[in-house]
Amino acid sequence: MRHLQTPIDEATRLALRVGEEVMLSGIIYTARDQAHKRLVESLNKQEPLPFQFAGQVVYYTGPTPAKLGHPIGSCGPTSSYRMDPYSIILMNAGLKIMIGKGNRSEEFRRSLIQTKSVYLVAVGGIGALLSKTVKTAKLIAYPDLQSEAVVEFEVENFPVIVATDSVGNDLFDRSN
């Protein structure tokens, strides 16, 4: 089990290997389908982004509303394949670490290897448990998207598994 603090430097990212269990602490950003679309639109228009990609982690989740005394409600991972067309563009723009659930497209995997990025998975179905790792949550972009807005989470010991490493080893590869 590795414990990593965000932002994650390049050497650490490149050293991650498929199947490795990781506990993340620090800042991670939420973004789902519509937020990804807007990030790409901002890049295309050369507009400033809500956060800098270097060393950062994006988590594909749409947290439920917070209950009294908690920063958020449940925050389980969403199916990642829906972000593939956008993620390819964002990886080329500097986003190198993403968290979601499930397999990715072959085009995504090729781009991930080319950009030396890493795909992490969080266990689906345990959103309430994952929310206990979130210490603070701050809305930073696209409030009209509600649960799909970009939110900055401060997390402590957020559990993930390396699903695809920067050299292309893939947890979902059934050919081995």
N, C-alpha and C. Protein backbone atom coordinates (compact mmCIF):
# COMPACT_ATOMS: atom_id res chain seq x y z
N MET A 1 0.86 -1.18 0.00
CA MET A 1 0.00 0.00 0.00
C MET A 1 0.89 1.23 0.00
N ARG A 2 0.66 2.11 -0.98
CA ARG A 2 1.41 3.38 -1.04
C ARG A 2 0.53 4.52 -0.58
N HIS A 3 1.11 5.43 0.17
CA HIS A 3 0.41 6.65 0.59
C HIS A 3 1.01 7.80 -0.21
N LEU A 4 0.17 8.51 -0.96
CA LEU A 4 0.63 9.61 -1.79
C LEU A 4 -0.08 10.89 -1.43
N GLN A 5 0.67 11.98 -1.50
CA GLN A 5 0.14 13.32 -1.27
C GLN A 5 0.02 14.03 -2.61
N THR A 6 -1.12 14.66 -2.85
CA THR A 6 -1.29 15.45 -4.07
C THR A 6 -0.79 16.86 -3.81
N PRO A 7 -0.33 17.56 -4.83
CA PRO A 7 -0.18 17.10 -6.21
C PRO A 7 0.91 16.04 -6.31
N ILE A 8 0.78 15.18 -7.31
CA ILE A 8 1.69 14.06 -7.50
C ILE A 8 2.71 14.42 -8.57
N ASP A 9 3.98 14.31 -8.21
CA ASP A 9 5.03 14.68 -9.17
C ASP A 9 5.19 13.60 -10.24
N GLU A 10 5.88 13.97 -11.30
CA GLU A 10 6.02 13.09 -12.46
C GLU A 10 6.71 11.77 -12.12
N ALA A 11 7.78 11.82 -11.35
CA ALA A 11 8.52 10.59 -11.01
C ALA A 11 7.62 9.61 -10.25
N THR A 12 6.83 10.11 -9.34
CA THR A 12 5.91 9.25 -8.58
C THR A 12 4.86 8.67 -9.49
N ARG A 13 4.28 9.50 -10.36
CA ARG A 13 3.26 9.03 -11.30
C ARG A 13 3.83 7.93 -12.19
N LEU A 14 5.00 8.15 -12.73
CA LEU A 14 5.60 7.18 -13.65
C LEU A 14 5.98 5.88 -12.95
N ALA A 15 6.18 5.91 -11.64
CA ALA A 15 6.55 4.72 -10.88
C ALA A 15 5.35 3.86 -10.49
N LEU A 16 4.14 4.40 -10.59
CA LEU A 16 2.95 3.63 -10.23
C LEU A 16 2.78 2.46 -11.19
N ARG A 17 2.39 1.29 -10.66
CA ARG A 17 2.21 0.11 -11.49
C ARG A 17 0.84 -0.52 -11.27
N VAL A 18 0.33 -1.11 -12.33
CA VAL A 18 -0.99 -1.72 -12.34
C VAL A 18 -1.16 -2.66 -11.14
N GLY A 19 -2.34 -2.58 -10.52
CA GLY A 19 -2.67 -3.41 -9.37
C GLY A 19 -2.22 -2.84 -8.04
N GLU A 20 -1.40 -1.81 -8.06
CA GLU A 20 -0.90 -1.22 -6.83
C GLU A 20 -2.05 -0.51 -6.09
N GLU A 21 -2.11 -0.72 -4.78
CA GLU A 21 -3.10 -0.05 -3.95
C GLU A 21 -2.50 1.25 -3.43
N VAL A 22 -3.28 2.32 -3.53
CA VAL A 22 -2.80 3.66 -3.18
C VAL A 22 -3.83 4.35 -2.28
N MET A 23 -3.32 5.07 -1.30
CA MET A 23 -4.16 5.95 -0.47
C MET A 23 -3.76 7.37 -0.81
N LEU A 24 -4.70 8.15 -1.34
CA LEU A 24 -4.43 9.54 -1.71
C LEU A 24 -4.84 10.48 -0.58
N SER A 25 -4.00 11.48 -0.35
CA SER A 25 -4.35 12.56 0.57
C SER A 25 -3.99 13.87 -0.10
N GLY A 26 -4.76 14.90 0.19
CA GLY A 26 -4.54 16.21 -0.42
C GLY A 26 -5.75 16.63 -1.23
N ILE A 27 -5.52 17.39 -2.28
CA ILE A 27 -6.60 17.93 -3.11
C ILE A 27 -6.81 17.05 -4.33
N ILE A 28 -8.08 16.71 -4.59
CA ILE A 28 -8.49 16.09 -5.85
C ILE A 28 -9.70 16.87 -6.35
N TYR A 29 -9.95 16.83 -7.66
CA TYR A 29 -11.05 17.58 -8.26
C TYR A 29 -12.07 16.64 -8.85
N THR A 30 -13.35 16.97 -8.67
CA THR A 30 -14.40 16.18 -9.28
C THR A 30 -14.74 16.75 -10.65
N ALA A 31 -15.08 15.88 -11.57
CA ALA A 31 -15.55 16.32 -12.88
C ALA A 31 -16.19 15.12 -13.57
N ARG A 32 -17.39 15.33 -14.06
CA ARG A 32 -18.08 14.28 -14.82
C ARG A 32 -18.26 14.75 -16.25
N ASP A 33 -19.17 14.12 -16.97
CA ASP A 33 -19.35 14.32 -18.40
C ASP A 33 -19.45 15.79 -18.82
N GLN A 34 -20.41 16.50 -18.24
CA GLN A 34 -20.64 17.88 -18.67
C GLN A 34 -19.49 18.81 -18.28
N ALA A 35 -18.89 18.57 -17.14
CA ALA A 35 -17.73 19.38 -16.73
C ALA A 35 -16.57 19.12 -17.69
N HIS A 36 -16.37 17.87 -18.09
CA HIS A 36 -15.32 17.54 -19.06
C HIS A 36 -15.56 18.28 -20.37
N LYS A 37 -16.81 18.28 -20.80
CA LYS A 37 -17.16 18.98 -22.04
C LYS A 37 -16.78 20.47 -21.94
N ARG A 38 -17.09 21.08 -20.81
CA ARG A 38 -16.77 22.51 -20.64
C ARG A 38 -15.27 22.76 -20.52
N LEU A 39 -14.56 21.86 -19.88
CA LEU A 39 -13.10 22.01 -19.81
C LEU A 39 -12.49 21.99 -21.21
N VAL A 40 -12.97 21.07 -22.03
CA VAL A 40 -12.47 20.99 -23.41
C VAL A 40 -12.86 22.24 -24.20
N GLU A 41 -14.08 22.72 -24.01
CA GLU A 41 -14.50 23.96 -24.68
C GLU A 41 -13.61 25.13 -24.26
N SER A 42 -13.27 25.21 -22.97
CA SER A 42 -12.39 26.27 -22.50
C SER A 42 -11.01 26.16 -23.14
N LEU A 43 -10.50 24.96 -23.25
CA LEU A 43 -9.21 24.76 -23.92
C LEU A 43 -9.28 25.21 -25.37
N ASN A 44 -10.35 24.82 -26.05
CA ASN A 44 -10.51 25.18 -27.46
C ASN A 44 -10.59 26.68 -27.67
N LYS A 45 -11.20 27.38 -26.71
CA LYS A 45 -11.34 28.84 -26.79
C LYS A 45 -10.14 29.56 -26.16
N GLN A 46 -9.18 28.78 -25.67
CA GLN A 46 -8.00 29.32 -24.98
C GLN A 46 -8.38 30.17 -23.77
N GLU A 47 -9.42 29.75 -23.08
CA GLU A 47 -9.87 30.40 -21.85
C GLU A 47 -9.16 29.76 -20.66
N PRO A 48 -9.05 30.49 -19.55
CA PRO A 48 -8.42 29.90 -18.37
C PRO A 48 -9.24 28.74 -17.82
N LEU A 49 -8.55 27.76 -17.28
CA LEU A 49 -9.22 26.60 -16.67
C LEU A 49 -9.46 26.87 -15.19
N PRO A 50 -10.43 26.20 -14.58
CA PRO A 50 -10.71 26.43 -13.15
C PRO A 50 -9.60 25.97 -12.22
N PHE A 51 -8.71 25.09 -12.70
CA PHE A 51 -7.55 24.66 -11.92
C PHE A 51 -6.48 24.21 -12.91
N GLN A 52 -5.24 24.27 -12.47
CA GLN A 52 -4.12 23.83 -13.31
C GLN A 52 -4.01 22.31 -13.25
N PHE A 53 -3.77 21.68 -14.38
CA PHE A 53 -3.74 20.22 -14.45
C PHE A 53 -2.48 19.59 -13.87
N ALA A 54 -1.37 20.28 -13.91
CA ALA A 54 -0.07 19.68 -13.53
C ALA A 54 -0.13 19.06 -12.14
N GLY A 55 0.12 17.76 -12.07
CA GLY A 55 0.18 17.02 -10.81
C GLY A 55 -1.15 16.74 -10.15
N GLN A 56 -2.24 17.22 -10.75
CA GLN A 56 -3.55 17.09 -10.11
C GLN A 56 -4.25 15.79 -10.49
N VAL A 57 -5.28 15.48 -9.72
CA VAL A 57 -6.06 14.26 -9.90
C VAL A 57 -7.51 14.67 -10.11
N VAL A 58 -8.15 14.07 -11.12
CA VAL A 58 -9.58 14.29 -11.36
C VAL A 58 -10.34 13.01 -11.06
N TYR A 59 -11.38 13.14 -10.25
CA TYR A 59 -12.22 12.02 -9.84
C TYR A 59 -13.57 12.14 -10.52
N TYR A 60 -13.96 11.10 -11.24
CA TYR A 60 -15.25 11.07 -11.94
C TYR A 60 -16.34 10.70 -10.94
N THR A 61 -16.94 11.71 -10.35
CA THR A 61 -18.01 11.50 -9.38
C THR A 61 -18.96 12.68 -9.41
N GLY A 62 -20.17 12.44 -9.01
CA GLY A 62 -21.15 13.49 -8.81
C GLY A 62 -21.68 13.34 -7.40
N PRO A 63 -21.05 14.00 -6.43
CA PRO A 63 -21.45 13.79 -5.04
C PRO A 63 -22.89 14.20 -4.76
N THR A 64 -23.50 13.47 -3.85
CA THR A 64 -24.85 13.83 -3.43
C THR A 64 -24.76 14.98 -2.44
N PRO A 65 -25.87 15.69 -2.20
CA PRO A 65 -25.83 16.82 -1.27
C PRO A 65 -25.35 16.41 0.12
N ALA A 66 -24.69 17.36 0.76
CA ALA A 66 -24.15 17.12 2.10
C ALA A 66 -25.25 17.04 3.14
N LYS A 67 -25.06 16.16 4.08
CA LYS A 67 -25.93 16.12 5.25
C LYS A 67 -25.32 17.03 6.30
N LEU A 68 -26.13 17.47 7.23
CA LEU A 68 -25.69 18.38 8.28
C LEU A 68 -24.41 17.88 8.94
N GLY A 69 -23.40 18.74 8.99
CA GLY A 69 -22.14 18.40 9.64
C GLY A 69 -21.14 17.65 8.76
N HIS A 70 -21.46 17.44 7.47
CA HIS A 70 -20.57 16.72 6.56
C HIS A 70 -20.32 17.58 5.32
N PRO A 71 -19.12 17.50 4.74
CA PRO A 71 -18.83 18.33 3.56
C PRO A 71 -19.58 17.90 2.32
N ILE A 72 -19.88 16.60 2.20
CA ILE A 72 -20.62 16.08 1.04
C ILE A 72 -21.42 14.87 1.48
N GLY A 73 -22.29 14.42 0.57
CA GLY A 73 -22.97 13.15 0.76
C GLY A 73 -22.13 12.05 0.14
N SER A 74 -22.78 11.05 -0.38
CA SER A 74 -22.11 9.93 -1.02
C SER A 74 -21.33 10.40 -2.25
N CYS A 75 -20.17 9.76 -2.52
CA CYS A 75 -19.36 10.18 -3.67
C CYS A 75 -18.69 8.99 -4.35
N GLY A 76 -19.52 8.07 -4.82
CA GLY A 76 -18.97 6.91 -5.52
C GLY A 76 -18.52 7.26 -6.92
N PRO A 77 -17.64 6.43 -7.49
CA PRO A 77 -17.14 6.69 -8.84
C PRO A 77 -18.22 6.42 -9.89
N THR A 78 -18.13 7.15 -11.00
CA THR A 78 -19.03 6.92 -12.11
C THR A 78 -18.27 6.19 -13.22
N SER A 79 -19.01 5.58 -14.13
CA SER A 79 -18.40 4.84 -15.23
C SER A 79 -17.54 5.77 -16.08
N SER A 80 -16.30 5.39 -16.25
CA SER A 80 -15.30 6.26 -16.85
C SER A 80 -15.37 6.37 -18.37
N TYR A 81 -15.86 5.35 -19.04
CA TYR A 81 -15.83 5.34 -20.51
C TYR A 81 -16.51 6.57 -21.11
N ARG A 82 -17.47 7.16 -20.40
CA ARG A 82 -18.18 8.33 -20.93
C ARG A 82 -17.26 9.54 -21.05
N MET A 83 -16.17 9.55 -20.29
CA MET A 83 -15.23 10.68 -20.33
C MET A 83 -14.14 10.48 -21.38
N ASP A 84 -14.06 9.30 -22.01
CA ASP A 84 -12.94 8.99 -22.90
C ASP A 84 -12.68 10.04 -23.98
N PRO A 85 -13.68 10.48 -24.74
CA PRO A 85 -13.36 11.47 -25.79
C PRO A 85 -12.78 12.77 -25.23
N TYR A 86 -13.26 13.18 -24.08
CA TYR A 86 -12.76 14.40 -23.46
C TYR A 86 -11.41 14.17 -22.77
N SER A 87 -11.28 13.03 -22.11
CA SER A 87 -10.04 12.73 -21.37
C SER A 87 -8.83 12.72 -22.28
N ILE A 88 -9.00 12.23 -23.50
CA ILE A 88 -7.89 12.20 -24.45
C ILE A 88 -7.38 13.62 -24.69
N ILE A 89 -8.28 14.55 -24.87
CA ILE A 89 -7.91 15.96 -25.08
C ILE A 89 -7.27 16.54 -23.82
N LEU A 90 -7.86 16.24 -22.66
CA LEU A 90 -7.35 16.78 -21.40
C LEU A 90 -5.98 16.21 -21.05
N MET A 91 -5.73 14.93 -21.37
CA MET A 91 -4.40 14.36 -21.12
C MET A 91 -3.36 15.09 -21.96
N ASN A 92 -3.70 15.39 -23.20
CA ASN A 92 -2.77 16.13 -24.06
C ASN A 92 -2.54 17.55 -23.56
N ALA A 93 -3.48 18.06 -22.75
CA ALA A 93 -3.34 19.41 -22.18
C ALA A 93 -2.67 19.39 -20.81
N GLY A 94 -2.30 18.20 -20.31
CA GLY A 94 -1.55 18.13 -19.06
C GLY A 94 -2.18 17.38 -17.91
N LEU A 95 -3.45 16.95 -18.04
CA LEU A 95 -4.08 16.15 -16.99
C LEU A 95 -3.53 14.73 -17.09
N LYS A 96 -2.94 14.22 -16.03
CA LYS A 96 -2.24 12.93 -16.11
C LYS A 96 -2.77 11.85 -15.18
N ILE A 97 -3.68 12.20 -14.26
CA ILE A 97 -4.18 11.21 -13.31
C ILE A 97 -5.69 11.36 -13.16
N MET A 98 -6.40 10.26 -13.43
CA MET A 98 -7.85 10.25 -13.35
C MET A 98 -8.32 9.06 -12.52
N ILE A 99 -9.44 9.24 -11.81
CA ILE A 99 -10.05 8.17 -11.00
C ILE A 99 -11.47 7.95 -11.49
N GLY A 100 -11.85 6.72 -11.68
CA GLY A 100 -13.23 6.39 -12.04
C GLY A 100 -13.51 4.95 -11.71
N LYS A 101 -14.38 4.35 -12.54
CA LYS A 101 -14.64 2.92 -12.39
C LYS A 101 -14.83 2.33 -13.78
N GLY A 102 -14.38 1.12 -13.92
CA GLY A 102 -14.59 0.38 -15.15
C GLY A 102 -13.50 0.57 -16.20
N ASN A 103 -13.66 -0.21 -17.25
CA ASN A 103 -12.72 -0.26 -18.36
C ASN A 103 -12.78 1.01 -19.21
N ARG A 104 -11.72 1.25 -19.98
CA ARG A 104 -11.63 2.40 -20.87
C ARG A 104 -11.48 1.91 -22.31
N SER A 105 -11.68 2.80 -23.25
CA SER A 105 -11.58 2.45 -24.67
C SER A 105 -10.12 2.23 -25.07
N GLU A 106 -9.93 1.53 -26.17
CA GLU A 106 -8.58 1.30 -26.70
C GLU A 106 -7.94 2.63 -27.08
N GLU A 107 -8.72 3.56 -27.64
CA GLU A 107 -8.19 4.87 -28.00
C GLU A 107 -7.70 5.62 -26.75
N PHE A 108 -8.46 5.55 -25.67
CA PHE A 108 -8.05 6.17 -24.41
C PHE A 108 -6.74 5.56 -23.94
N ARG A 109 -6.65 4.22 -23.94
CA ARG A 109 -5.43 3.55 -23.47
C ARG A 109 -4.21 3.94 -24.30
N ARG A 110 -4.37 4.03 -25.61
CA ARG A 110 -3.24 4.45 -26.46
C ARG A 110 -2.80 5.86 -26.10
N SER A 111 -3.77 6.76 -25.89
CA SER A 111 -3.45 8.14 -25.53
C SER A 111 -2.81 8.21 -24.15
N LEU A 112 -3.30 7.38 -23.23
CA LEU A 112 -2.74 7.34 -21.88
C LEU A 112 -1.26 6.97 -21.94
N ILE A 113 -0.91 5.97 -22.74
CA ILE A 113 0.49 5.56 -22.87
C ILE A 113 1.31 6.68 -23.51
N GLN A 114 0.77 7.26 -24.55
CA GLN A 114 1.48 8.33 -25.27
C GLN A 114 1.77 9.52 -24.35
N THR A 115 0.84 9.86 -23.47
CA THR A 115 1.00 11.01 -22.59
C THR A 115 1.58 10.63 -21.22
N LYS A 116 1.86 9.33 -21.03
CA LYS A 116 2.40 8.83 -19.75
C LYS A 116 1.49 9.18 -18.58
N SER A 117 0.21 8.98 -18.81
CA SER A 117 -0.79 9.25 -17.78
C SER A 117 -1.11 7.98 -17.00
N VAL A 118 -1.97 8.09 -15.99
CA VAL A 118 -2.34 6.96 -15.14
C VAL A 118 -3.84 7.01 -14.88
N TYR A 119 -4.47 5.83 -14.95
CA TYR A 119 -5.89 5.70 -14.64
C TYR A 119 -6.02 4.86 -13.37
N LEU A 120 -6.70 5.43 -12.39
CA LEU A 120 -6.94 4.77 -11.11
C LEU A 120 -8.41 4.42 -11.00
N VAL A 121 -8.73 3.37 -10.27
CA VAL A 121 -10.13 3.04 -10.04
C VAL A 121 -10.43 3.07 -8.55
N ALA A 122 -11.64 3.52 -8.25
CA ALA A 122 -12.20 3.45 -6.90
C ALA A 122 -13.29 2.39 -6.95
N VAL A 123 -13.52 1.75 -5.85
CA VAL A 123 -14.52 0.68 -5.81
C VAL A 123 -15.92 1.27 -5.89
N GLY A 124 -16.71 0.78 -6.83
CA GLY A 124 -18.10 1.22 -6.95
C GLY A 124 -18.95 0.64 -5.84
N GLY A 125 -20.04 1.32 -5.52
CA GLY A 125 -20.97 0.82 -4.52
C GLY A 125 -20.65 1.20 -3.09
N ILE A 126 -19.53 1.91 -2.89
CA ILE A 126 -19.17 2.30 -1.51
C ILE A 126 -19.04 3.82 -1.39
N GLY A 127 -19.89 4.53 -2.12
CA GLY A 127 -19.83 5.99 -2.11
C GLY A 127 -19.95 6.61 -0.74
N ALA A 128 -20.79 6.03 0.13
CA ALA A 128 -20.94 6.57 1.48
C ALA A 128 -19.64 6.41 2.27
N LEU A 129 -18.98 5.27 2.08
CA LEU A 129 -17.71 5.03 2.76
C LEU A 129 -16.62 5.96 2.21
N LEU A 130 -16.56 6.13 0.88
CA LEU A 130 -15.57 7.03 0.28
C LEU A 130 -15.76 8.46 0.76
N SER A 131 -17.00 8.87 0.99
CA SER A 131 -17.27 10.24 1.43
C SER A 131 -16.63 10.54 2.79
N LYS A 132 -16.38 9.52 3.58
CA LYS A 132 -15.75 9.72 4.90
C LYS A 132 -14.29 10.15 4.77
N THR A 133 -13.69 9.98 3.58
CA THR A 133 -12.30 10.42 3.37
C THR A 133 -12.24 11.89 2.97
N VAL A 134 -13.39 12.48 2.64
CA VAL A 134 -13.44 13.88 2.20
C VAL A 134 -13.56 14.79 3.41
N LYS A 135 -12.54 15.62 3.60
CA LYS A 135 -12.50 16.52 4.76
C LYS A 135 -13.16 17.87 4.45
N THR A 136 -12.97 18.37 3.21
CA THR A 136 -13.62 19.61 2.79
C THR A 136 -14.03 19.47 1.33
N ALA A 137 -15.03 20.23 0.95
CA ALA A 137 -15.49 20.26 -0.44
C ALA A 137 -15.82 21.71 -0.79
N LYS A 138 -15.22 22.19 -1.89
CA LYS A 138 -15.43 23.58 -2.29
C LYS A 138 -15.77 23.63 -3.78
N LEU A 139 -16.92 24.16 -4.11
CA LEU A 139 -17.33 24.33 -5.50
C LEU A 139 -16.40 25.33 -6.17
N ILE A 140 -15.79 24.96 -7.30
CA ILE A 140 -14.88 25.90 -7.95
C ILE A 140 -15.27 26.27 -9.38
N ALA A 141 -16.18 25.48 -10.02
CA ALA A 141 -16.56 25.83 -11.39
C ALA A 141 -17.86 25.16 -11.80
N TYR A 142 -18.59 25.86 -12.67
CA TYR A 142 -19.82 25.36 -13.31
C TYR A 142 -20.93 25.01 -12.31
N PRO A 143 -21.31 25.93 -11.44
CA PRO A 143 -22.33 25.62 -10.44
C PRO A 143 -23.67 25.21 -11.05
N ASP A 144 -23.96 25.68 -12.28
CA ASP A 144 -25.21 25.31 -12.93
C ASP A 144 -25.29 23.81 -13.23
N LEU A 145 -24.17 23.12 -13.21
CA LEU A 145 -24.16 21.67 -13.46
C LEU A 145 -24.53 20.87 -12.21
N GLN A 146 -24.71 21.54 -11.10
CA GLN A 146 -25.09 20.94 -9.82
C GLN A 146 -24.14 19.80 -9.45
N SER A 147 -24.61 18.55 -9.39
CA SER A 147 -23.73 17.46 -8.94
C SER A 147 -22.59 17.18 -9.91
N GLU A 148 -22.68 17.69 -11.14
CA GLU A 148 -21.60 17.49 -12.11
C GLU A 148 -20.63 18.67 -12.15
N ALA A 149 -20.80 19.63 -11.27
CA ALA A 149 -19.89 20.78 -11.21
C ALA A 149 -18.50 20.32 -10.79
N VAL A 150 -17.51 21.17 -11.00
CA VAL A 150 -16.16 20.87 -10.54
C VAL A 150 -16.06 21.30 -9.08
N VAL A 151 -15.72 20.33 -8.23
CA VAL A 151 -15.60 20.56 -6.80
C VAL A 151 -14.19 20.15 -6.37
N GLU A 152 -13.59 20.97 -5.54
CA GLU A 152 -12.28 20.66 -4.97
C GLU A 152 -12.50 19.92 -3.66
N PHE A 153 -12.04 18.68 -3.61
CA PHE A 153 -12.09 17.88 -2.39
C PHE A 153 -10.73 17.91 -1.73
N GLU A 154 -10.72 18.06 -0.42
CA GLU A 154 -9.53 17.73 0.35
C GLU A 154 -9.80 16.36 0.95
N VAL A 155 -8.96 15.38 0.58
CA VAL A 155 -9.19 14.01 1.03
C VAL A 155 -8.05 13.54 1.91
N GLU A 156 -8.36 12.54 2.72
CA GLU A 156 -7.34 11.89 3.54
C GLU A 156 -7.52 10.38 3.42
N ASN A 157 -6.50 9.72 2.90
CA ASN A 157 -6.51 8.27 2.71
C ASN A 157 -7.67 7.79 1.84
N PHE A 158 -7.79 8.41 0.68
CA PHE A 158 -8.80 8.02 -0.31
C PHE A 158 -8.26 6.80 -1.05
N PRO A 159 -8.94 5.63 -0.94
CA PRO A 159 -8.39 4.39 -1.50
C PRO A 159 -8.67 4.21 -3.00
N VAL A 160 -7.60 3.92 -3.76
CA VAL A 160 -7.72 3.65 -5.19
C VAL A 160 -6.75 2.52 -5.56
N ILE A 161 -6.95 1.99 -6.75
CA ILE A 161 -6.08 0.96 -7.30
C ILE A 161 -5.63 1.43 -8.67
N VAL A 162 -4.36 1.22 -9.00
CA VAL A 162 -3.85 1.59 -10.31
C VAL A 162 -4.42 0.60 -11.32
N ALA A 163 -5.29 1.10 -12.23
CA ALA A 163 -5.92 0.25 -13.23
C ALA A 163 -5.12 0.22 -14.53
N THR A 164 -4.56 1.36 -14.92
CA THR A 164 -3.70 1.42 -16.10
C THR A 164 -2.53 2.32 -15.76
N ASP A 165 -1.32 1.78 -15.88
CA ASP A 165 -0.15 2.57 -15.55
C ASP A 165 0.39 3.27 -16.80
N SER A 166 1.40 4.09 -16.61
CA SER A 166 1.90 4.97 -17.67
C SER A 166 2.58 4.23 -18.82
N VAL A 167 2.86 2.95 -18.64
CA VAL A 167 3.46 2.17 -19.72
C VAL A 167 2.46 1.22 -20.37
N GLY A 168 1.20 1.29 -19.95
CA GLY A 168 0.13 0.56 -20.61
C GLY A 168 -0.29 -0.74 -19.97
N ASN A 169 0.31 -1.13 -18.86
CA ASN A 169 -0.20 -2.31 -18.17
C ASN A 169 -1.62 -2.01 -17.71
N ASP A 170 -2.55 -2.93 -17.94
CA ASP A 170 -3.96 -2.66 -17.74
C ASP A 170 -4.62 -3.75 -16.92
N LEU A 171 -5.20 -3.37 -15.79
CA LEU A 171 -5.91 -4.29 -14.92
C LEU A 171 -7.05 -5.01 -15.64
N PHE A 172 -7.61 -4.37 -16.65
CA PHE A 172 -8.75 -4.94 -17.37
C PHE A 172 -8.33 -5.78 -18.58
N ASP A 173 -7.05 -5.87 -18.88
CA ASP A 173 -6.56 -6.61 -20.03
C ASP A 173 -6.75 -8.11 -19.78
N ARG A 174 -7.55 -8.73 -20.58
CA ARG A 174 -7.85 -10.16 -20.43
C ARG A 174 -6.95 -11.03 -21.31
N SER A 175 -6.02 -10.45 -22.04
CA SER A 175 -5.17 -11.23 -22.96
C SER A 175 -4.03 -11.94 -22.26
N ASN A 176 -3.77 -11.61 -21.00
CA ASN A 176 -2.63 -12.24 -20.29
C ASN A 176 -3.04 -13.51 -19.61
